[in-house]
Amino acid sequence: MKKKIFLLGLMSFFGIVNAQRIQKNEAQMNVAIGVANGWGIPVSVGVDYGIHNDITVGIEGSFASEKFAGDDIKGRWIGVGANGNYHFNSLLKIPNKWDFYAGATLAYNSFSYKFRGSEYDYLAGESSGVGFAGQVGGRYFFTDHLAFNVELGGGTIASGGKAGLTYKF
């Protein structure tokens, strides 16, 4: 019975909170854990800034490392990029505690590995260099400043997808 009362109170609290997505001249910080097939667990941090109520620009960095062949090879991936997103709330009349967006990222991704104590840079085509990719995502603001976010795609090492938290300043 106490659990039901607690859950009902929690749902009521979140229902009356006037949470709002990012607007023009506001900033938010995103922290997420990603999914990358065989590349370890990517961690990313980024900042978005509203240049219009429906458009944000931002920067993001991500990092992942993984050991292969026991401890003989250790790979490290770093990505740094700039992104732009269009937020569909106004167009689709979505309540502001939800935030659905799509956009593009231009990023530099670097892969290096250590093999038995020697470091080599892997420069062959697809593993290091500049990349351009799209992303789609969404957030749910459960307070005025805090949201849960999920994103698929993007131009950094976490491009398979990621989930985390957003803090709106």
C-alpha atoms as a PDB file:
ATOM      1  CA  MET A   1       0.000   0.000   0.000  1.00  0.00           C
ATOM      2  CA  LYS A   2       2.848   2.411   0.822  1.00  0.00           C
ATOM      3  CA  LYS A   3       4.409   1.718  -2.593  1.00  0.00           C
ATOM      4  CA  LYS A   4       1.133   2.574  -4.351  1.00  0.00           C
ATOM      5  CA  ILE A   5       0.772   5.833  -2.427  1.00  0.00           C
ATOM      6  CA  PHE A   6       4.414   6.724  -3.147  1.00  0.00           C
ATOM      7  CA  LEU A   7       4.037   5.977  -6.882  1.00  0.00           C
ATOM      8  CA  LEU A   8       0.777   7.945  -7.064  1.00  0.00           C
ATOM      9  CA  GLY A   9       2.447  10.899  -5.324  1.00  0.00           C
ATOM     10  CA  LEU A  10       5.456  10.689  -7.629  1.00  0.00           C
ATOM     11  CA  MET A  11       3.269  10.598 -10.741  1.00  0.00           C
ATOM     12  CA  SER A  12       1.250  13.555  -9.438  1.00  0.00           C
ATOM     13  CA  PHE A  13       4.428  15.542  -8.759  1.00  0.00           C
ATOM     14  CA  PHE A  14       5.825  14.919 -12.240  1.00  0.00           C
ATOM     15  CA  GLY A  15       2.431  15.675 -13.762  1.00  0.00           C
ATOM     16  CA  ILE A  16       2.281  19.171 -12.256  1.00  0.00           C
ATOM     17  CA  VAL A  17       5.918  20.142 -12.804  1.00  0.00           C
ATOM     18  CA  ASN A  18       6.114  22.698 -15.609  1.00  0.00           C
ATOM     19  CA  ALA A  19       9.201  21.234 -17.246  1.00  0.00           C
ATOM     20  CA  GLN A  20      10.284  22.842 -20.486  1.00  0.00           C
ATOM     21  CA  ARG A  21      12.671  21.981 -23.296  1.00  0.00           C
ATOM     22  CA  ILE A  22      15.534  24.275 -24.282  1.00  0.00           C
ATOM     23  CA  GLN A  23      14.525  27.632 -25.769  1.00  0.00           C
ATOM     24  CA  LYS A  24      16.362  30.449 -27.571  1.00  0.00           C
ATOM     25  CA  ASN A  25      19.408  31.751 -25.618  1.00  0.00           C
ATOM     26  CA  GLU A  26      19.353  28.806 -23.184  1.00  0.00           C
ATOM     27  CA  ALA A  27      21.971  26.089 -22.769  1.00  0.00           C
ATOM     28  CA  GLN A  28      21.916  22.479 -21.648  1.00  0.00           C
ATOM     29  CA  MET A  29      24.538  19.857 -20.874  1.00  0.00           C
ATOM     30  CA  ASN A  30      24.179  16.224 -21.916  1.00  0.00           C
ATOM     31  CA  VAL A  31      25.984  13.255 -20.358  1.00  0.00           C
ATOM     32  CA  ALA A  32      25.415   9.808 -21.850  1.00  0.00           C
ATOM     33  CA  ILE A  33      26.621   6.240 -22.108  1.00  0.00           C
ATOM     34  CA  GLY A  34      26.616   4.838 -25.614  1.00  0.00           C
ATOM     35  CA  VAL A  35      26.406   1.612 -27.530  1.00  0.00           C
ATOM     36  CA  ALA A  36      29.163   0.763 -29.995  1.00  0.00           C
ATOM     37  CA  ASN A  37      29.559  -2.768 -31.307  1.00  0.00           C
ATOM     38  CA  GLY A  38      32.835  -4.161 -29.964  1.00  0.00           C
ATOM     39  CA  TRP A  39      34.291  -0.753 -29.083  1.00  0.00           C
ATOM     40  CA  GLY A  40      33.758  -0.805 -25.346  1.00  0.00           C
ATOM     41  CA  ILE A  41      31.257   1.489 -23.653  1.00  0.00           C
ATOM     42  CA  PRO A  42      31.470   5.039 -25.040  1.00  0.00           C
ATOM     43  CA  VAL A  43      30.934   7.954 -22.666  1.00  0.00           C
ATOM     44  CA  SER A  44      29.951  11.329 -24.100  1.00  0.00           C
ATOM     45  CA  VAL A  45      29.550  14.870 -22.812  1.00  0.00           C
ATOM     46  CA  GLY A  46      28.094  17.742 -24.792  1.00  0.00           C
ATOM     47  CA  VAL A  47      26.576  21.204 -24.583  1.00  0.00           C
ATOM     48  CA  ASP A  48      23.692  22.547 -26.690  1.00  0.00           C
ATOM     49  CA  TYR A  49      22.712  26.187 -27.138  1.00  0.00           C
ATOM     50  CA  GLY A  50      19.363  27.430 -28.431  1.00  0.00           C
ATOM     51  CA  ILE A  51      19.766  29.849 -31.349  1.00  0.00           C
ATOM     52  CA  HIS A  52      16.002  29.688 -32.027  1.00  0.00           C
ATOM     53  CA  ASN A  53      13.129  28.078 -30.096  1.00  0.00           C
ATOM     54  CA  ASP A  54      13.296  25.173 -32.557  1.00  0.00           C
ATOM     55  CA  ILE A  55      17.041  25.049 -33.416  1.00  0.00           C
ATOM     56  CA  THR A  56      20.094  24.237 -31.299  1.00  0.00           C
ATOM     57  CA  VAL A  57      23.802  24.033 -32.040  1.00  0.00           C
ATOM     58  CA  GLY A  58      26.283  22.233 -29.864  1.00  0.00           C
ATOM     59  CA  ILE A  59      29.602  20.517 -29.294  1.00  0.00           C
ATOM     60  CA  GLU A  60      30.243  17.008 -28.050  1.00  0.00           C
ATOM     61  CA  GLY A  61      33.134  14.819 -27.062  1.00  0.00           C
ATOM     62  CA  SER A  62      33.170  11.050 -26.590  1.00  0.00           C
ATOM     63  CA  PHE A  63      35.641   8.451 -25.423  1.00  0.00           C
ATOM     64  CA  ALA A  64      35.782   4.658 -25.378  1.00  0.00           C
ATOM     65  CA  SER A  65      38.472   2.042 -24.841  1.00  0.00           C
ATOM     66  CA  GLU A  66      38.558  -1.721 -25.122  1.00  0.00           C
ATOM     67  CA  LYS A  67      41.091  -4.532 -24.693  1.00  0.00           C
ATOM     68  CA  PHE A  68      41.446  -7.167 -27.402  1.00  0.00           C
ATOM     69  CA  ALA A  69      43.294 -10.495 -27.520  1.00  0.00           C
ATOM     70  CA  GLY A  70      43.535 -10.627 -23.764  1.00  0.00           C
ATOM     71  CA  ASP A  71      45.649  -7.652 -22.751  1.00  0.00           C
ATOM     72  CA  ASP A  72      47.881  -7.671 -25.854  1.00  0.00           C
ATOM     73  CA  ILE A  73      45.984  -4.927 -27.707  1.00  0.00           C
ATOM     74  CA  LYS A  74      44.223  -1.942 -26.195  1.00  0.00           C
ATOM     75  CA  GLY A  75      42.161   0.264 -28.497  1.00  0.00           C
ATOM     76  CA  ARG A  76      41.187   3.857 -27.745  1.00  0.00           C
ATOM     77  CA  TRP A  77      38.624   5.953 -29.604  1.00  0.00           C
ATOM     78  CA  ILE A  78      38.089   9.690 -29.199  1.00  0.00           C
ATOM     79  CA  GLY A  79      35.493  11.767 -31.021  1.00  0.00           C
ATOM     80  CA  VAL A  80      34.952  15.531 -30.999  1.00  0.00           C
ATOM     81  CA  GLY A  81      32.219  17.174 -33.010  1.00  0.00           C
ATOM     82  CA  ALA A  82      29.775  19.991 -33.657  1.00  0.00           C
ATOM     83  CA  ASN A  83      26.079  19.398 -34.183  1.00  0.00           C
ATOM     84  CA  GLY A  84      22.879  21.152 -35.144  1.00  0.00           C
ATOM     85  CA  ASN A  85      19.360  19.945 -34.356  1.00  0.00           C
ATOM     86  CA  TYR A  86      15.832  20.912 -35.303  1.00  0.00           C
ATOM     87  CA  HIS A  87      13.316  20.399 -32.464  1.00  0.00           C
ATOM     88  CA  PHE A  88       9.840  19.354 -33.635  1.00  0.00           C
ATOM     89  CA  ASN A  89       7.785  20.595 -30.664  1.00  0.00           C
ATOM     90  CA  SER A  90       6.389  23.740 -32.309  1.00  0.00           C
ATOM     91  CA  LEU A  91       5.762  22.086 -35.677  1.00  0.00           C
ATOM     92  CA  LEU A  92       4.009  19.031 -34.203  1.00  0.00           C
ATOM     93  CA  LYS A  93       2.508  20.803 -31.145  1.00  0.00           C
ATOM     94  CA  ILE A  94       4.270  18.475 -28.693  1.00  0.00           C
ATOM     95  CA  PRO A  95       4.140  19.460 -24.983  1.00  0.00           C
ATOM     96  CA  ASN A  96       7.388  21.133 -23.864  1.00  0.00           C
ATOM     97  CA  LYS A  97       8.251  18.512 -21.247  1.00  0.00           C
ATOM     98  CA  TRP A  98       8.962  16.285 -24.268  1.00  0.00           C
ATOM     99  CA  ASP A  99      11.663  17.221 -26.782  1.00  0.00           C
ATOM    100  CA  PHE A 100      11.954  15.389 -30.104  1.00  0.00           C
ATOM    101  CA  TYR A 101      14.706  16.409 -32.512  1.00  0.00           C
ATOM    102  CA  ALA A 102      16.744  15.427 -35.563  1.00  0.00           C
ATOM    103  CA  GLY A 103      19.933  16.878 -36.923  1.00  0.00           C
ATOM    104  CA  ALA A 104      23.453  16.396 -38.189  1.00  0.00           C
ATOM    105  CA  THR A 105      26.921  16.142 -36.633  1.00  0.00           C
ATOM    106  CA  LEU A 106      30.322  16.854 -38.135  1.00  0.00           C
ATOM    107  CA  ALA A 107      32.993  15.144 -36.038  1.00  0.00           C
ATOM    108  CA  TYR A 108      36.593  14.084 -35.966  1.00  0.00           C
ATOM    109  CA  ASN A 109      37.078  10.506 -34.766  1.00  0.00           C
ATOM    110  CA  SER A 110      40.464   9.114 -33.826  1.00  0.00           C
ATOM    111  CA  PHE A 111      41.391   5.486 -33.227  1.00  0.00           C
ATOM    112  CA  SER A 112      44.709   4.360 -31.786  1.00  0.00           C
ATOM    113  CA  TYR A 113      45.906   1.154 -30.229  1.00  0.00           C
ATOM    114  CA  LYS A 114      48.751  -0.128 -28.122  1.00  0.00           C
ATOM    115  CA  PHE A 115      50.200  -3.492 -29.005  1.00  0.00           C
ATOM    116  CA  ARG A 116      52.508  -4.991 -26.382  1.00  0.00           C
ATOM    117  CA  GLY A 117      53.620  -1.591 -25.125  1.00  0.00           C
ATOM    118  CA  SER A 118      54.164   0.152 -28.486  1.00  0.00           C
ATOM    119  CA  GLU A 119      51.690   2.737 -29.732  1.00  0.00           C
ATOM    120  CA  TYR A 120      50.598   2.936 -33.354  1.00  0.00           C
ATOM    121  CA  ASP A 121      48.080   5.276 -34.964  1.00  0.00           C
ATOM    122  CA  TYR A 122      45.667   3.544 -37.295  1.00  0.00           C
ATOM    123  CA  LEU A 123      45.220   5.976 -40.154  1.00  0.00           C
ATOM    124  CA  ALA A 124      43.635   3.794 -42.838  1.00  0.00           C
ATOM    125  CA  GLY A 125      40.468   5.427 -44.060  1.00  0.00           C
ATOM    126  CA  GLU A 126      37.492   4.712 -41.885  1.00  0.00           C
ATOM    127  CA  SER A 127      39.074   4.638 -38.426  1.00  0.00           C
ATOM    128  CA  SER A 128      40.444   8.180 -38.153  1.00  0.00           C
ATOM    129  CA  GLY A 129      39.281  11.354 -39.789  1.00  0.00           C
ATOM    130  CA  VAL A 130      36.309  13.635 -40.199  1.00  0.00           C
ATOM    131  CA  GLY A 131      32.833  12.171 -40.497  1.00  0.00           C
ATOM    132  CA  PHE A 132      29.361  13.527 -41.114  1.00  0.00           C
ATOM    133  CA  ALA A 133      26.305  11.758 -39.711  1.00  0.00           C
ATOM    134  CA  GLY A 134      22.685  12.305 -38.753  1.00  0.00           C
ATOM    135  CA  GLN A 135      20.942  11.739 -35.458  1.00  0.00           C
ATOM    136  CA  VAL A 136      17.419  11.534 -34.044  1.00  0.00           C
ATOM    137  CA  GLY A 137      16.584  11.745 -30.391  1.00  0.00           C
ATOM    138  CA  GLY A 138      14.221  12.622 -27.639  1.00  0.00           C
ATOM    139  CA  ARG A 139      14.140  13.871 -24.079  1.00  0.00           C
ATOM    140  CA  TYR A 140      11.638  13.822 -21.273  1.00  0.00           C
ATOM    141  CA  PHE A 141      12.003  16.655 -18.740  1.00  0.00           C
ATOM    142  CA  PHE A 142      10.843  15.358 -15.382  1.00  0.00           C
ATOM    143  CA  THR A 143      11.840  18.621 -13.638  1.00  0.00           C
ATOM    144  CA  ASP A 144      12.461  22.157 -14.913  1.00  0.00           C
ATOM    145  CA  HIS A 145      16.160  21.394 -15.347  1.00  0.00           C
ATOM    146  CA  LEU A 146      16.603  17.616 -15.601  1.00  0.00           C
ATOM    147  CA  ALA A 147      15.686  15.249 -18.431  1.00  0.00           C
ATOM    148  CA  PHE A 148      16.309  11.682 -19.552  1.00  0.00           C
ATOM    149  CA  ASN A 149      17.579  11.531 -23.155  1.00  0.00           C
ATOM    150  CA  VAL A 150      17.940   8.882 -25.839  1.00  0.00           C
ATOM    151  CA  GLU A 151      19.636   9.411 -29.208  1.00  0.00           C
ATOM    152  CA  LEU A 152      20.316   7.219 -32.234  1.00  0.00           C
ATOM    153  CA  GLY A 153      23.065   8.040 -34.698  1.00  0.00           C
ATOM    154  CA  GLY A 154      25.490  10.955 -34.509  1.00  0.00           C
ATOM    155  CA  GLY A 155      29.015  11.579 -35.693  1.00  0.00           C
ATOM    156  CA  THR A 156      31.098  10.401 -32.745  1.00  0.00           C
ATOM    157  CA  ILE A 157      32.147   7.007 -31.434  1.00  0.00           C
ATOM    158  CA  ALA A 158      28.807   6.582 -29.642  1.00  0.00           C
ATOM    159  CA  SER A 159      27.022   6.714 -33.005  1.00  0.00           C
ATOM    160  CA  GLY A 160      25.199   3.435 -32.478  1.00  0.00           C
ATOM    161  CA  GLY A 161      23.057   5.150 -29.896  1.00  0.00           C
ATOM    162  CA  LYS A 162      23.240   6.548 -26.401  1.00  0.00           C
ATOM    163  CA  ALA A 163      21.142   7.303 -23.342  1.00  0.00           C
ATOM    164  CA  GLY A 164      21.749   9.624 -20.436  1.00  0.00           C
ATOM    165  CA  LEU A 165      20.764  12.787 -18.635  1.00  0.00           C
ATOM    166  CA  THR A 166      20.337  16.396 -19.714  1.00  0.00           C
ATOM    167  CA  TYR A 167      20.704  19.352 -17.361  1.00  0.00           C
ATOM    168  CA  LYS A 168      19.215  22.637 -18.592  1.00  0.00           C
ATOM    169  CA  PHE A 169      20.881  25.760 -17.193  1.00  0.00           C
END
